[in-house]
Amino acid sequence: MLNDIINIANQYATGLEQVQNRKAQWINKHEELKNHLKLVAESLNAGTTYKQGYFVDSLHAFDEEMNGTCSGLQSLVFRSGDMPMMVAFSNEKGEKKEFTEHGFQITFTPMVTGEVIVLLMPHFSELNKNPPQITTLAIISNAAELLMDDIDELLARGMELAYYSSFTGIAAQKEVQENGAQNIPHHNPIGFKRYETTEKTK
């Protein structure tokens, strides 16, 4: 029985070795992935019809209490730029207010386990009454085995989901869901309060 207890205790050493191995794989893969994401962003910036802009950010885990960073927990963010919603208000004082939709983010974030979680933060704006729902696109256990073709598939899936969270794609959700598409999050249409104006149409 003592041997069984020792074997169970030794699982900590095995688990620690796996965590260290996964972290080392991510550190090695990080630069290749960053360069690939930059190439994708450059291609989209050059070749897309609508130019909201695509960007790649490199981030480090940050501890606010001691203002320190962790070099072993480097994240990558693939994101789109903000988009004007073509909704503008004005009042009698001449003040104007316009609404902008923030771009989506696809993040590659290492966890303390050494695994890398890929998350989608969809589009959102001041008009969203509830915080946007974050979607897990993948959990990567062995970064060394990660191919850039796999990354392209993740980006394509994440960007399609992001589109349906945008004011440009909300109306397309129903049709897509009726055609059998799965895992398309539901987003409510955006509305405003109404009041009767003194201006009458002829």
N, C-alpha and C. Protein backbone atom coordinates (compact mmCIF):
# COMPACT_ATOMS: atom_id res chain seq x y z
N MET A 1 0.83 -1.22 0.00
CA MET A 1 0.00 0.00 0.00
C MET A 1 0.86 1.26 0.00
N LEU A 2 1.98 1.21 0.73
CA LEU A 2 2.88 2.37 0.77
C LEU A 2 3.40 2.70 -0.62
N ASN A 3 3.67 1.65 -1.41
CA ASN A 3 4.14 1.88 -2.79
C ASN A 3 3.09 2.60 -3.62
N ASP A 4 1.82 2.25 -3.39
CA ASP A 4 0.73 2.93 -4.11
C ASP A 4 0.70 4.41 -3.76
N ILE A 5 0.89 4.71 -2.47
CA ILE A 5 0.88 6.10 -2.02
C ILE A 5 2.06 6.86 -2.63
N ILE A 6 3.23 6.21 -2.66
CA ILE A 6 4.41 6.85 -3.27
C ILE A 6 4.17 7.11 -4.75
N ASN A 7 3.56 6.13 -5.44
CA ASN A 7 3.28 6.30 -6.88
C ASN A 7 2.32 7.47 -7.13
N ILE A 8 1.33 7.59 -6.26
CA ILE A 8 0.39 8.71 -6.39
C ILE A 8 1.13 10.03 -6.17
N ALA A 9 1.99 10.07 -5.15
CA ALA A 9 2.75 11.29 -4.87
C ALA A 9 3.67 11.64 -6.02
N ASN A 10 4.20 10.65 -6.69
CA ASN A 10 5.12 10.89 -7.81
C ASN A 10 4.41 11.45 -9.04
N GLN A 11 3.06 11.40 -9.04
CA GLN A 11 2.33 11.99 -10.16
C GLN A 11 2.57 13.49 -10.24
N TYR A 12 2.88 14.11 -9.09
CA TYR A 12 3.21 15.54 -9.11
C TYR A 12 4.42 15.80 -10.00
N ALA A 13 5.43 14.97 -9.87
CA ALA A 13 6.65 15.15 -10.67
C ALA A 13 6.35 14.95 -12.15
N THR A 14 5.52 13.95 -12.44
CA THR A 14 5.13 13.71 -13.84
C THR A 14 4.35 14.89 -14.40
N GLY A 15 3.39 15.38 -13.59
CA GLY A 15 2.58 16.52 -14.01
C GLY A 15 3.43 17.77 -14.22
N LEU A 16 4.38 18.01 -13.31
CA LEU A 16 5.25 19.17 -13.44
C LEU A 16 6.08 19.09 -14.72
N GLU A 17 6.57 17.91 -15.03
CA GLU A 17 7.36 17.73 -16.26
C GLU A 17 6.51 18.03 -17.49
N GLN A 18 5.26 17.60 -17.46
CA GLN A 18 4.36 17.87 -18.59
C GLN A 18 4.10 19.37 -18.74
N VAL A 19 3.88 20.05 -17.60
CA VAL A 19 3.65 21.51 -17.64
C VAL A 19 4.88 22.22 -18.21
N GLN A 20 6.06 21.85 -17.73
CA GLN A 20 7.29 22.49 -18.22
C GLN A 20 7.48 22.23 -19.71
N ASN A 21 7.17 21.03 -20.14
CA ASN A 21 7.31 20.68 -21.55
C ASN A 21 6.35 21.49 -22.41
N ARG A 22 5.08 21.61 -21.95
CA ARG A 22 4.09 22.38 -22.73
C ARG A 22 4.49 23.86 -22.80
N LYS A 23 4.99 24.41 -21.69
CA LYS A 23 5.41 25.82 -21.68
C LYS A 23 6.57 26.05 -22.64
N ALA A 24 7.53 25.12 -22.64
CA ALA A 24 8.69 25.24 -23.54
C ALA A 24 8.25 25.18 -25.00
N GLN A 25 7.27 24.31 -25.29
CA GLN A 25 6.75 24.21 -26.66
C GLN A 25 6.11 25.54 -27.09
N TRP A 26 5.35 26.16 -26.19
CA TRP A 26 4.68 27.41 -26.52
C TRP A 26 5.70 28.53 -26.76
N ILE A 27 6.72 28.60 -25.93
CA ILE A 27 7.75 29.64 -26.10
C ILE A 27 8.43 29.49 -27.46
N ASN A 28 8.67 28.25 -27.86
CA ASN A 28 9.30 28.00 -29.16
C ASN A 28 8.35 28.31 -30.32
N LYS A 29 7.07 28.03 -30.14
CA LYS A 29 6.09 28.22 -31.22
C LYS A 29 5.62 29.67 -31.31
N HIS A 30 5.75 30.41 -30.23
CA HIS A 30 5.21 31.77 -30.12
C HIS A 30 5.66 32.67 -31.27
N GLU A 31 6.94 32.68 -31.57
CA GLU A 31 7.48 33.57 -32.60
C GLU A 31 6.96 33.19 -33.99
N GLU A 32 6.93 31.88 -34.28
CA GLU A 32 6.41 31.43 -35.57
C GLU A 32 4.95 31.83 -35.74
N LEU A 33 4.17 31.66 -34.67
CA LEU A 33 2.76 32.02 -34.73
C LEU A 33 2.58 33.53 -34.90
N LYS A 34 3.37 34.31 -34.18
CA LYS A 34 3.27 35.77 -34.29
C LYS A 34 3.55 36.22 -35.73
N ASN A 35 4.58 35.67 -36.33
CA ASN A 35 4.92 36.03 -37.71
C ASN A 35 3.81 35.63 -38.68
N HIS A 36 3.21 34.46 -38.43
CA HIS A 36 2.13 34.01 -39.31
C HIS A 36 0.91 34.91 -39.17
N LEU A 37 0.55 35.27 -37.93
CA LEU A 37 -0.60 36.15 -37.72
C LEU A 37 -0.37 37.51 -38.37
N LYS A 38 0.87 38.00 -38.33
CA LYS A 38 1.18 39.28 -38.98
C LYS A 38 1.00 39.18 -40.49
N LEU A 39 1.39 38.05 -41.07
CA LEU A 39 1.20 37.86 -42.51
C LEU A 39 -0.28 37.84 -42.86
N VAL A 40 -1.08 37.17 -42.03
CA VAL A 40 -2.53 37.15 -42.27
C VAL A 40 -3.10 38.56 -42.18
N ALA A 41 -2.68 39.30 -41.13
CA ALA A 41 -3.18 40.68 -40.96
C ALA A 41 -2.80 41.55 -42.14
N GLU A 42 -1.57 41.42 -42.61
CA GLU A 42 -1.12 42.21 -43.76
C GLU A 42 -1.92 41.86 -45.01
N SER A 43 -2.20 40.57 -45.20
CA SER A 43 -2.98 40.14 -46.37
C SER A 43 -4.40 40.70 -46.31
N LEU A 44 -5.01 40.67 -45.11
CA LEU A 44 -6.36 41.19 -44.96
C LEU A 44 -6.38 42.71 -45.14
N ASN A 45 -5.39 43.39 -44.60
CA ASN A 45 -5.33 44.85 -44.75
C ASN A 45 -5.18 45.26 -46.21
N ALA A 46 -4.50 44.43 -46.98
CA ALA A 46 -4.28 44.74 -48.39
C ALA A 46 -5.42 44.28 -49.28
N GLY A 47 -6.06 43.15 -48.92
CA GLY A 47 -6.98 42.52 -49.86
C GLY A 47 -8.45 42.59 -49.54
N THR A 48 -8.84 43.10 -48.38
CA THR A 48 -10.26 43.12 -48.06
C THR A 48 -10.94 44.37 -48.61
N THR A 49 -12.22 44.27 -48.87
CA THR A 49 -12.98 45.39 -49.42
C THR A 49 -13.18 46.47 -48.37
N TYR A 50 -13.60 46.06 -47.17
CA TYR A 50 -13.83 47.03 -46.09
C TYR A 50 -12.58 47.10 -45.23
N LYS A 51 -12.07 48.29 -44.98
CA LYS A 51 -10.77 48.46 -44.32
C LYS A 51 -10.93 48.87 -42.86
N GLN A 52 -11.40 47.95 -42.01
CA GLN A 52 -11.45 48.28 -40.58
C GLN A 52 -10.08 48.11 -39.94
N GLY A 53 -9.18 47.38 -40.61
CA GLY A 53 -7.84 47.19 -40.09
C GLY A 53 -7.73 45.93 -39.25
N TYR A 54 -6.64 45.20 -39.42
CA TYR A 54 -6.35 44.00 -38.64
C TYR A 54 -4.97 44.15 -38.03
N PHE A 55 -4.83 43.70 -36.78
CA PHE A 55 -3.62 43.95 -36.01
C PHE A 55 -3.22 42.72 -35.20
N VAL A 56 -1.95 42.65 -34.83
CA VAL A 56 -1.44 41.57 -33.97
C VAL A 56 -0.72 42.22 -32.79
N ASP A 57 -1.12 41.84 -31.59
CA ASP A 57 -0.51 42.36 -30.36
C ASP A 57 0.17 41.21 -29.63
N SER A 58 1.31 41.53 -29.02
CA SER A 58 2.01 40.57 -28.17
C SER A 58 1.93 41.08 -26.74
N LEU A 59 1.41 40.26 -25.83
CA LEU A 59 1.18 40.68 -24.45
C LEU A 59 1.87 39.72 -23.47
N HIS A 60 2.16 40.23 -22.28
CA HIS A 60 2.70 39.40 -21.21
C HIS A 60 1.73 39.39 -20.03
N ALA A 61 1.72 38.29 -19.31
CA ALA A 61 0.93 38.26 -18.07
C ALA A 61 1.49 39.32 -17.13
N PHE A 62 0.57 40.01 -16.43
CA PHE A 62 0.96 41.15 -15.61
C PHE A 62 0.39 40.99 -14.20
N ASP A 63 1.21 41.24 -13.20
CA ASP A 63 0.76 41.21 -11.81
C ASP A 63 0.66 42.65 -11.32
N GLU A 64 -0.58 43.09 -11.04
CA GLU A 64 -0.81 44.49 -10.68
C GLU A 64 -0.21 44.84 -9.32
N GLU A 65 -0.17 43.88 -8.40
CA GLU A 65 0.29 44.18 -7.05
C GLU A 65 1.75 44.60 -7.02
N MET A 66 2.57 43.93 -7.83
CA MET A 66 4.00 44.27 -7.84
C MET A 66 4.47 44.86 -9.17
N ASN A 67 3.49 45.13 -10.08
CA ASN A 67 3.81 45.71 -11.39
C ASN A 67 4.88 44.90 -12.13
N GLY A 68 4.70 43.60 -12.14
CA GLY A 68 5.68 42.73 -12.79
C GLY A 68 5.07 41.92 -13.91
N THR A 69 5.90 41.51 -14.85
CA THR A 69 5.45 40.68 -15.96
C THR A 69 6.08 39.30 -15.87
N CYS A 70 5.46 38.34 -16.54
CA CYS A 70 5.95 36.97 -16.58
C CYS A 70 6.37 36.64 -18.01
N SER A 71 7.66 36.46 -18.22
CA SER A 71 8.16 36.24 -19.58
C SER A 71 7.73 34.89 -20.13
N GLY A 72 7.37 33.96 -19.26
CA GLY A 72 6.97 32.63 -19.71
C GLY A 72 5.52 32.52 -20.11
N LEU A 73 4.75 33.59 -19.91
CA LEU A 73 3.32 33.56 -20.25
C LEU A 73 3.01 34.65 -21.27
N GLN A 74 3.54 34.48 -22.46
CA GLN A 74 3.33 35.46 -23.53
C GLN A 74 2.06 35.11 -24.31
N SER A 75 1.20 36.10 -24.47
CA SER A 75 -0.04 35.92 -25.24
C SER A 75 0.06 36.63 -26.57
N LEU A 76 -0.74 36.16 -27.52
CA LEU A 76 -0.86 36.82 -28.81
C LEU A 76 -2.33 37.16 -29.05
N VAL A 77 -2.56 38.33 -29.62
CA VAL A 77 -3.93 38.76 -29.92
C VAL A 77 -4.02 39.13 -31.39
N PHE A 78 -4.96 38.52 -32.10
CA PHE A 78 -5.28 38.89 -33.47
C PHE A 78 -6.60 39.64 -33.39
N ARG A 79 -6.62 40.90 -33.84
CA ARG A 79 -7.82 41.71 -33.63
C ARG A 79 -8.13 42.57 -34.84
N SER A 80 -9.38 42.99 -34.89
CA SER A 80 -9.80 43.92 -35.94
C SER A 80 -10.02 45.30 -35.33
N GLY A 81 -10.01 46.31 -36.17
CA GLY A 81 -10.19 47.68 -35.72
C GLY A 81 -11.65 48.01 -35.46
N ASP A 82 -11.87 49.19 -34.92
CA ASP A 82 -13.22 49.67 -34.63
C ASP A 82 -13.92 50.07 -35.92
N MET A 83 -15.26 50.00 -35.89
CA MET A 83 -16.05 50.35 -37.06
C MET A 83 -17.13 51.36 -36.69
N PRO A 84 -17.22 52.48 -37.40
CA PRO A 84 -18.33 53.40 -37.16
C PRO A 84 -19.65 52.72 -37.53
N MET A 85 -20.67 52.92 -36.69
CA MET A 85 -21.94 52.23 -36.91
C MET A 85 -22.92 53.05 -37.75
N MET A 86 -22.49 54.22 -38.20
CA MET A 86 -23.33 55.09 -39.03
C MET A 86 -24.63 55.44 -38.31
N VAL A 87 -24.52 55.65 -37.00
CA VAL A 87 -25.64 56.10 -36.18
C VAL A 87 -25.18 57.35 -35.46
N ALA A 88 -25.75 58.49 -35.79
CA ALA A 88 -25.33 59.76 -35.20
C ALA A 88 -26.54 60.50 -34.64
N PHE A 89 -26.36 61.06 -33.45
CA PHE A 89 -27.43 61.83 -32.80
C PHE A 89 -26.96 63.27 -32.64
N SER A 90 -27.92 64.20 -32.65
CA SER A 90 -27.61 65.60 -32.38
C SER A 90 -28.76 66.20 -31.59
N ASN A 91 -28.46 67.25 -30.85
CA ASN A 91 -29.52 67.91 -30.08
C ASN A 91 -29.57 69.40 -30.42
N GLU A 92 -30.45 70.13 -29.73
CA GLU A 92 -30.65 71.55 -30.04
C GLU A 92 -29.42 72.39 -29.73
N LYS A 93 -28.55 71.91 -28.85
CA LYS A 93 -27.34 72.65 -28.49
C LYS A 93 -26.23 72.48 -29.54
N GLY A 94 -26.49 71.63 -30.51
CA GLY A 94 -25.47 71.38 -31.52
C GLY A 94 -24.51 70.27 -31.16
N GLU A 95 -24.76 69.61 -30.03
CA GLU A 95 -23.90 68.49 -29.63
C GLU A 95 -24.19 67.28 -30.51
N LYS A 96 -23.15 66.51 -30.78
CA LYS A 96 -23.30 65.31 -31.61
C LYS A 96 -22.72 64.11 -30.90
N LYS A 97 -23.32 62.97 -31.13
CA LYS A 97 -22.83 61.72 -30.57
C LYS A 97 -22.94 60.65 -31.63
N GLU A 98 -21.84 59.95 -31.85
CA GLU A 98 -21.81 58.85 -32.81
C GLU A 98 -21.43 57.57 -32.10
N PHE A 99 -21.89 56.45 -32.62
CA PHE A 99 -21.59 55.16 -32.01
C PHE A 99 -20.59 54.39 -32.86
N THR A 100 -19.70 53.72 -32.17
CA THR A 100 -18.66 52.92 -32.81
C THR A 100 -18.70 51.51 -32.25
N GLU A 101 -18.52 50.53 -33.11
CA GLU A 101 -18.45 49.14 -32.67
C GLU A 101 -16.98 48.74 -32.57
N HIS A 102 -16.61 48.18 -31.43
CA HIS A 102 -15.24 47.73 -31.22
C HIS A 102 -14.99 46.44 -31.98
N GLY A 103 -13.76 46.27 -32.43
CA GLY A 103 -13.41 45.08 -33.20
C GLY A 103 -13.38 43.82 -32.35
N PHE A 104 -13.37 42.67 -33.02
CA PHE A 104 -13.26 41.38 -32.33
C PHE A 104 -11.79 41.12 -31.95
N GLN A 105 -11.59 40.19 -31.04
CA GLN A 105 -10.24 39.75 -30.67
C GLN A 105 -10.21 38.23 -30.60
N ILE A 106 -9.18 37.65 -31.19
CA ILE A 106 -8.91 36.22 -31.03
C ILE A 106 -7.57 36.13 -30.28
N THR A 107 -7.62 35.59 -29.07
CA THR A 107 -6.42 35.57 -28.23
C THR A 107 -5.88 34.16 -28.08
N PHE A 108 -4.57 34.06 -28.07
CA PHE A 108 -3.86 32.81 -27.79
C PHE A 108 -3.15 33.02 -26.46
N THR A 109 -3.72 32.44 -25.40
CA THR A 109 -3.27 32.75 -24.04
C THR A 109 -2.77 31.50 -23.33
N PRO A 110 -1.49 31.46 -22.94
CA PRO A 110 -1.00 30.31 -22.17
C PRO A 110 -1.54 30.34 -20.74
N MET A 111 -1.85 29.16 -20.23
CA MET A 111 -2.35 29.03 -18.87
C MET A 111 -1.25 28.44 -17.98
N VAL A 112 -1.47 28.42 -16.68
CA VAL A 112 -0.46 27.90 -15.76
C VAL A 112 -0.21 26.42 -15.98
N THR A 113 -1.13 25.72 -16.63
CA THR A 113 -0.95 24.30 -16.94
C THR A 113 -0.01 24.08 -18.12
N GLY A 114 0.33 25.17 -18.81
CA GLY A 114 1.15 25.05 -20.02
C GLY A 114 0.31 24.94 -21.28
N GLU A 115 -0.99 24.66 -21.12
CA GLU A 115 -1.87 24.64 -22.29
C GLU A 115 -2.13 26.06 -22.76
N VAL A 116 -2.53 26.18 -24.03
CA VAL A 116 -2.84 27.49 -24.61
C VAL A 116 -4.32 27.50 -24.97
N ILE A 117 -5.05 28.45 -24.43
CA ILE A 117 -6.47 28.56 -24.72
C ILE A 117 -6.68 29.65 -25.78
N VAL A 118 -7.48 29.33 -26.77
CA VAL A 118 -7.78 30.27 -27.86
C VAL A 118 -9.21 30.77 -27.64
N LEU A 119 -9.35 32.09 -27.43
CA LEU A 119 -10.63 32.68 -27.09
C LEU A 119 -11.05 33.72 -28.12
N LEU A 120 -12.34 33.82 -28.35
CA LEU A 120 -12.90 34.87 -29.20
C LEU A 120 -13.67 35.84 -28.34
N MET A 121 -13.27 37.11 -28.37
CA MET A 121 -14.10 38.17 -27.81
C MET A 121 -14.77 38.86 -28.98
N PRO A 122 -16.10 38.76 -29.09
CA PRO A 122 -16.79 39.29 -30.26
C PRO A 122 -16.84 40.82 -30.28
N HIS A 123 -17.43 41.35 -31.34
CA HIS A 123 -17.66 42.79 -31.44
C HIS A 123 -18.58 43.25 -30.31
N PHE A 124 -18.40 44.50 -29.87
CA PHE A 124 -19.33 45.07 -28.91
C PHE A 124 -19.28 46.59 -29.02
N SER A 125 -20.31 47.22 -28.48
CA SER A 125 -20.39 48.68 -28.50
C SER A 125 -21.10 49.14 -27.24
N GLU A 126 -21.21 50.45 -27.08
CA GLU A 126 -21.95 51.02 -25.95
C GLU A 126 -23.41 50.58 -25.96
N LEU A 127 -23.89 50.18 -27.12
CA LEU A 127 -25.29 49.79 -27.24
C LEU A 127 -25.56 48.40 -26.69
N ASN A 128 -24.51 47.61 -26.47
CA ASN A 128 -24.69 46.29 -25.85
C ASN A 128 -25.01 46.47 -24.37
N LYS A 129 -26.15 46.01 -23.95
CA LYS A 129 -26.55 46.15 -22.55
C LYS A 129 -25.84 45.13 -21.66
N ASN A 130 -25.46 44.00 -22.23
CA ASN A 130 -24.76 42.95 -21.48
C ASN A 130 -23.37 42.78 -22.06
N PRO A 131 -22.40 42.39 -21.22
CA PRO A 131 -21.05 42.16 -21.74
C PRO A 131 -21.06 41.07 -22.80
N PRO A 132 -20.22 41.18 -23.82
CA PRO A 132 -20.21 40.15 -24.86
C PRO A 132 -19.75 38.80 -24.31
N GLN A 133 -20.32 37.74 -24.83
CA GLN A 133 -19.97 36.39 -24.38
C GLN A 133 -18.69 35.93 -25.06
N ILE A 134 -17.72 35.53 -24.26
CA ILE A 134 -16.45 35.05 -24.80
C ILE A 134 -16.60 33.57 -25.16
N THR A 135 -16.09 33.19 -26.33
CA THR A 135 -16.21 31.82 -26.82
C THR A 135 -14.84 31.16 -26.84
N THR A 136 -14.77 29.93 -26.34
CA THR A 136 -13.53 29.15 -26.44
C THR A 136 -13.49 28.49 -27.81
N LEU A 137 -12.47 28.81 -28.60
CA LEU A 137 -12.32 28.21 -29.92
C LEU A 137 -11.52 26.93 -29.88
N ALA A 138 -10.54 26.85 -28.96
CA ALA A 138 -9.70 25.64 -28.87
C ALA A 138 -8.86 25.70 -27.59
N ILE A 139 -8.42 24.54 -27.17
CA ILE A 139 -7.39 24.43 -26.12
C ILE A 139 -6.26 23.59 -26.71
N ILE A 140 -5.09 24.19 -26.78
CA ILE A 140 -3.93 23.55 -27.41
C ILE A 140 -3.05 22.95 -26.33
N SER A 141 -2.89 21.63 -26.36
CA SER A 141 -2.08 20.95 -25.36
C SER A 141 -0.62 20.85 -25.77
N ASN A 142 -0.39 20.60 -27.06
CA ASN A 142 0.98 20.43 -27.54
C ASN A 142 1.24 21.44 -28.66
N ALA A 143 1.79 22.57 -28.28
CA ALA A 143 2.01 23.65 -29.25
C ALA A 143 2.99 23.23 -30.34
N ALA A 144 3.90 22.31 -30.04
CA ALA A 144 4.89 21.88 -31.03
C ALA A 144 4.23 21.24 -32.24
N GLU A 145 3.07 20.64 -32.03
CA GLU A 145 2.37 19.96 -33.12
C GLU A 145 1.43 20.89 -33.88
N LEU A 146 1.37 22.14 -33.46
CA LEU A 146 0.44 23.10 -34.07
C LEU A 146 0.95 23.54 -35.44
N LEU A 147 0.12 23.34 -36.46
CA LEU A 147 0.46 23.75 -37.82
C LEU A 147 -0.22 25.08 -38.14
N MET A 148 0.37 25.84 -39.02
CA MET A 148 -0.22 27.12 -39.39
C MET A 148 -1.54 26.94 -40.15
N ASP A 149 -1.72 25.78 -40.78
CA ASP A 149 -3.02 25.48 -41.39
C ASP A 149 -4.10 25.37 -40.31
N ASP A 150 -3.71 24.80 -39.15
CA ASP A 150 -4.65 24.73 -38.02
C ASP A 150 -5.03 26.13 -37.55
N ILE A 151 -4.04 27.02 -37.52
CA ILE A 151 -4.28 28.41 -37.11
C ILE A 151 -5.24 29.09 -38.07
N ASP A 152 -5.04 28.88 -39.36
CA ASP A 152 -5.92 29.49 -40.36
C ASP A 152 -7.37 29.02 -40.17
N GLU A 153 -7.55 27.74 -39.85
CA GLU A 153 -8.90 27.23 -39.60
C GLU A 153 -9.52 27.88 -38.37
N LEU A 154 -8.71 28.05 -37.31
CA LEU A 154 -9.20 28.72 -36.09
C LEU A 154 -9.59 30.16 -36.38
N LEU A 155 -8.75 30.86 -37.15
CA LEU A 155 -9.04 32.25 -37.49
C LEU A 155 -10.32 32.35 -38.32
N ALA A 156 -10.47 31.47 -39.30
CA ALA A 156 -11.65 31.50 -40.15
C ALA A 156 -12.91 31.26 -39.33
N ARG A 157 -12.87 30.28 -38.43
CA ARG A 157 -14.05 29.98 -37.60
C ARG A 157 -14.35 31.13 -36.64
N GLY A 158 -13.28 31.66 -36.01
CA GLY A 158 -13.47 32.77 -35.08
C GLY A 158 -13.98 34.02 -35.75
N MET A 159 -13.46 34.32 -36.94
CA MET A 159 -13.90 35.52 -37.64
C MET A 159 -15.34 35.40 -38.13
N GLU A 160 -15.74 34.18 -38.51
CA GLU A 160 -17.13 34.00 -38.93
C GLU A 160 -18.08 34.21 -37.76
N LEU A 161 -17.73 33.65 -36.60
CA LEU A 161 -18.55 33.86 -35.40
C LEU A 161 -18.57 35.34 -35.03
N ALA A 162 -17.42 36.00 -35.16
CA ALA A 162 -17.34 37.42 -34.84
C ALA A 162 -18.24 38.24 -35.75
N TYR A 163 -18.30 37.87 -37.01
CA TYR A 163 -19.14 38.60 -37.97
C TYR A 163 -20.60 38.61 -37.51
N TYR A 164 -21.08 37.48 -37.00
CA TYR A 164 -22.48 37.40 -36.57
C TYR A 164 -22.73 38.16 -35.27
N SER A 165 -21.66 38.63 -34.61
CA SER A 165 -21.84 39.47 -33.43
C SER A 165 -21.77 40.95 -33.77
N SER A 166 -21.46 41.26 -35.02
CA SER A 166 -21.33 42.64 -35.47
C SER A 166 -22.68 43.17 -35.97
N PHE A 167 -22.84 44.49 -35.93
CA PHE A 167 -24.06 45.08 -36.48
C PHE A 167 -24.18 44.80 -37.97
N THR A 168 -23.05 44.49 -38.61
CA THR A 168 -23.09 44.17 -40.04
C THR A 168 -23.59 42.77 -40.30
N GLY A 169 -23.57 41.90 -39.31
CA GLY A 169 -23.93 40.50 -39.53
C GLY A 169 -25.07 39.97 -38.69
N ILE A 170 -25.59 40.78 -37.78
CA ILE A 170 -26.67 40.31 -36.90
C ILE A 170 -27.88 39.85 -37.71
N ALA A 171 -28.21 40.59 -38.75
CA ALA A 171 -29.39 40.25 -39.55
C ALA A 171 -29.22 38.95 -40.32
N ALA A 172 -27.96 38.53 -40.53
CA ALA A 172 -27.71 37.29 -41.29
C ALA A 172 -27.80 36.05 -40.41
N GLN A 173 -27.87 36.23 -39.09
CA GLN A 173 -27.87 35.07 -38.19
C GLN A 173 -29.03 34.12 -38.44
N LYS A 174 -30.24 34.68 -38.56
CA LYS A 174 -31.44 33.85 -38.67
C LYS A 174 -31.35 32.94 -39.89
N GLU A 175 -30.97 33.51 -41.02
CA GLU A 175 -30.87 32.73 -42.25
C GLU A 175 -29.85 31.62 -42.11
N VAL A 176 -28.70 31.93 -41.50
CA VAL A 176 -27.64 30.93 -41.33
C VAL A 176 -28.11 29.81 -40.42
N GLN A 177 -28.78 30.17 -39.32
CA GLN A 177 -29.25 29.16 -38.38
C GLN A 177 -30.35 28.30 -38.99
N GLU A 178 -31.20 28.89 -39.83
CA GLU A 178 -32.25 28.13 -40.49
C GLU A 178 -31.66 27.12 -41.47
N ASN A 179 -30.45 27.40 -41.98
CA ASN A 179 -29.79 26.48 -42.90
C ASN A 179 -28.98 25.41 -42.18
N GLY A 180 -29.13 25.34 -40.85
CA GLY A 180 -28.52 24.24 -40.10
C GLY A 180 -27.17 24.54 -39.48
N ALA A 181 -26.71 25.78 -39.52
CA ALA A 181 -25.41 26.10 -38.92
C ALA A 181 -25.51 25.96 -37.40
N GLN A 182 -24.46 25.43 -36.81
CA GLN A 182 -24.42 25.20 -35.37
C GLN A 182 -23.53 26.24 -34.69
N ASN A 183 -23.79 26.42 -33.40
CA ASN A 183 -22.94 27.25 -32.54
C ASN A 183 -22.83 28.70 -32.99
N ILE A 184 -23.87 29.22 -33.62
CA ILE A 184 -23.91 30.65 -33.94
C ILE A 184 -24.58 31.35 -32.77
N PRO A 185 -23.87 32.18 -32.02
CA PRO A 185 -24.49 32.84 -30.87
C PRO A 185 -25.60 33.79 -31.31
N HIS A 186 -26.62 33.89 -30.47
CA HIS A 186 -27.75 34.77 -30.79
C HIS A 186 -27.49 36.16 -30.24
N HIS A 187 -27.70 37.17 -31.06
CA HIS A 187 -27.52 38.56 -30.63
C HIS A 187 -28.79 39.33 -30.93
N ASN A 188 -29.26 40.05 -29.94
CA ASN A 188 -30.49 40.80 -30.11
C ASN A 188 -30.27 42.04 -30.97
N PRO A 189 -31.24 42.38 -31.79
CA PRO A 189 -31.10 43.62 -32.57
C PRO A 189 -31.05 44.83 -31.65
N ILE A 190 -30.40 45.86 -32.13
CA ILE A 190 -30.21 47.07 -31.32
C ILE A 190 -31.34 48.05 -31.62
N GLY A 191 -31.95 48.57 -30.57
CA GLY A 191 -33.04 49.53 -30.75
C GLY A 191 -32.83 50.75 -29.87
N PHE A 192 -33.55 51.81 -30.15
CA PHE A 192 -33.47 53.05 -29.39
C PHE A 192 -34.86 53.44 -28.93
N LYS A 193 -34.90 54.25 -27.88
CA LYS A 193 -36.18 54.84 -27.46
C LYS A 193 -36.68 55.76 -28.57
N ARG A 194 -37.99 55.93 -28.63
CA ARG A 194 -38.59 56.78 -29.66
C ARG A 194 -39.38 57.89 -29.00
N TYR A 195 -39.44 59.02 -29.66
CA TYR A 195 -40.34 60.07 -29.18
C TYR A 195 -40.90 60.81 -30.38
N GLU A 196 -42.04 61.41 -30.18
CA GLU A 196 -42.70 62.09 -31.30
C GLU A 196 -42.07 63.46 -31.52
N THR A 197 -41.65 63.72 -32.72
CA THR A 197 -41.03 65.00 -33.03
C THR A 197 -42.08 65.94 -33.61
N THR A 198 -41.75 67.19 -33.62
CA THR A 198 -42.67 68.20 -34.19
C THR A 198 -42.54 68.26 -35.71
N GLU A 199 -41.52 67.60 -36.24
CA GLU A 199 -41.36 67.62 -37.68
C GLU A 199 -42.34 66.62 -38.31
N LYS A 200 -43.13 67.10 -39.26
CA LYS A 200 -44.13 66.24 -39.89
C LYS A 200 -43.73 65.99 -41.33
N THR A 201 -43.95 64.77 -41.77
CA THR A 201 -43.67 64.46 -43.17
C THR A 201 -44.86 64.87 -44.00
N LYS A 202 -44.62 65.25 -45.24
CA LYS A 202 -45.70 65.68 -46.13
C LYS A 202 -46.37 64.49 -46.77
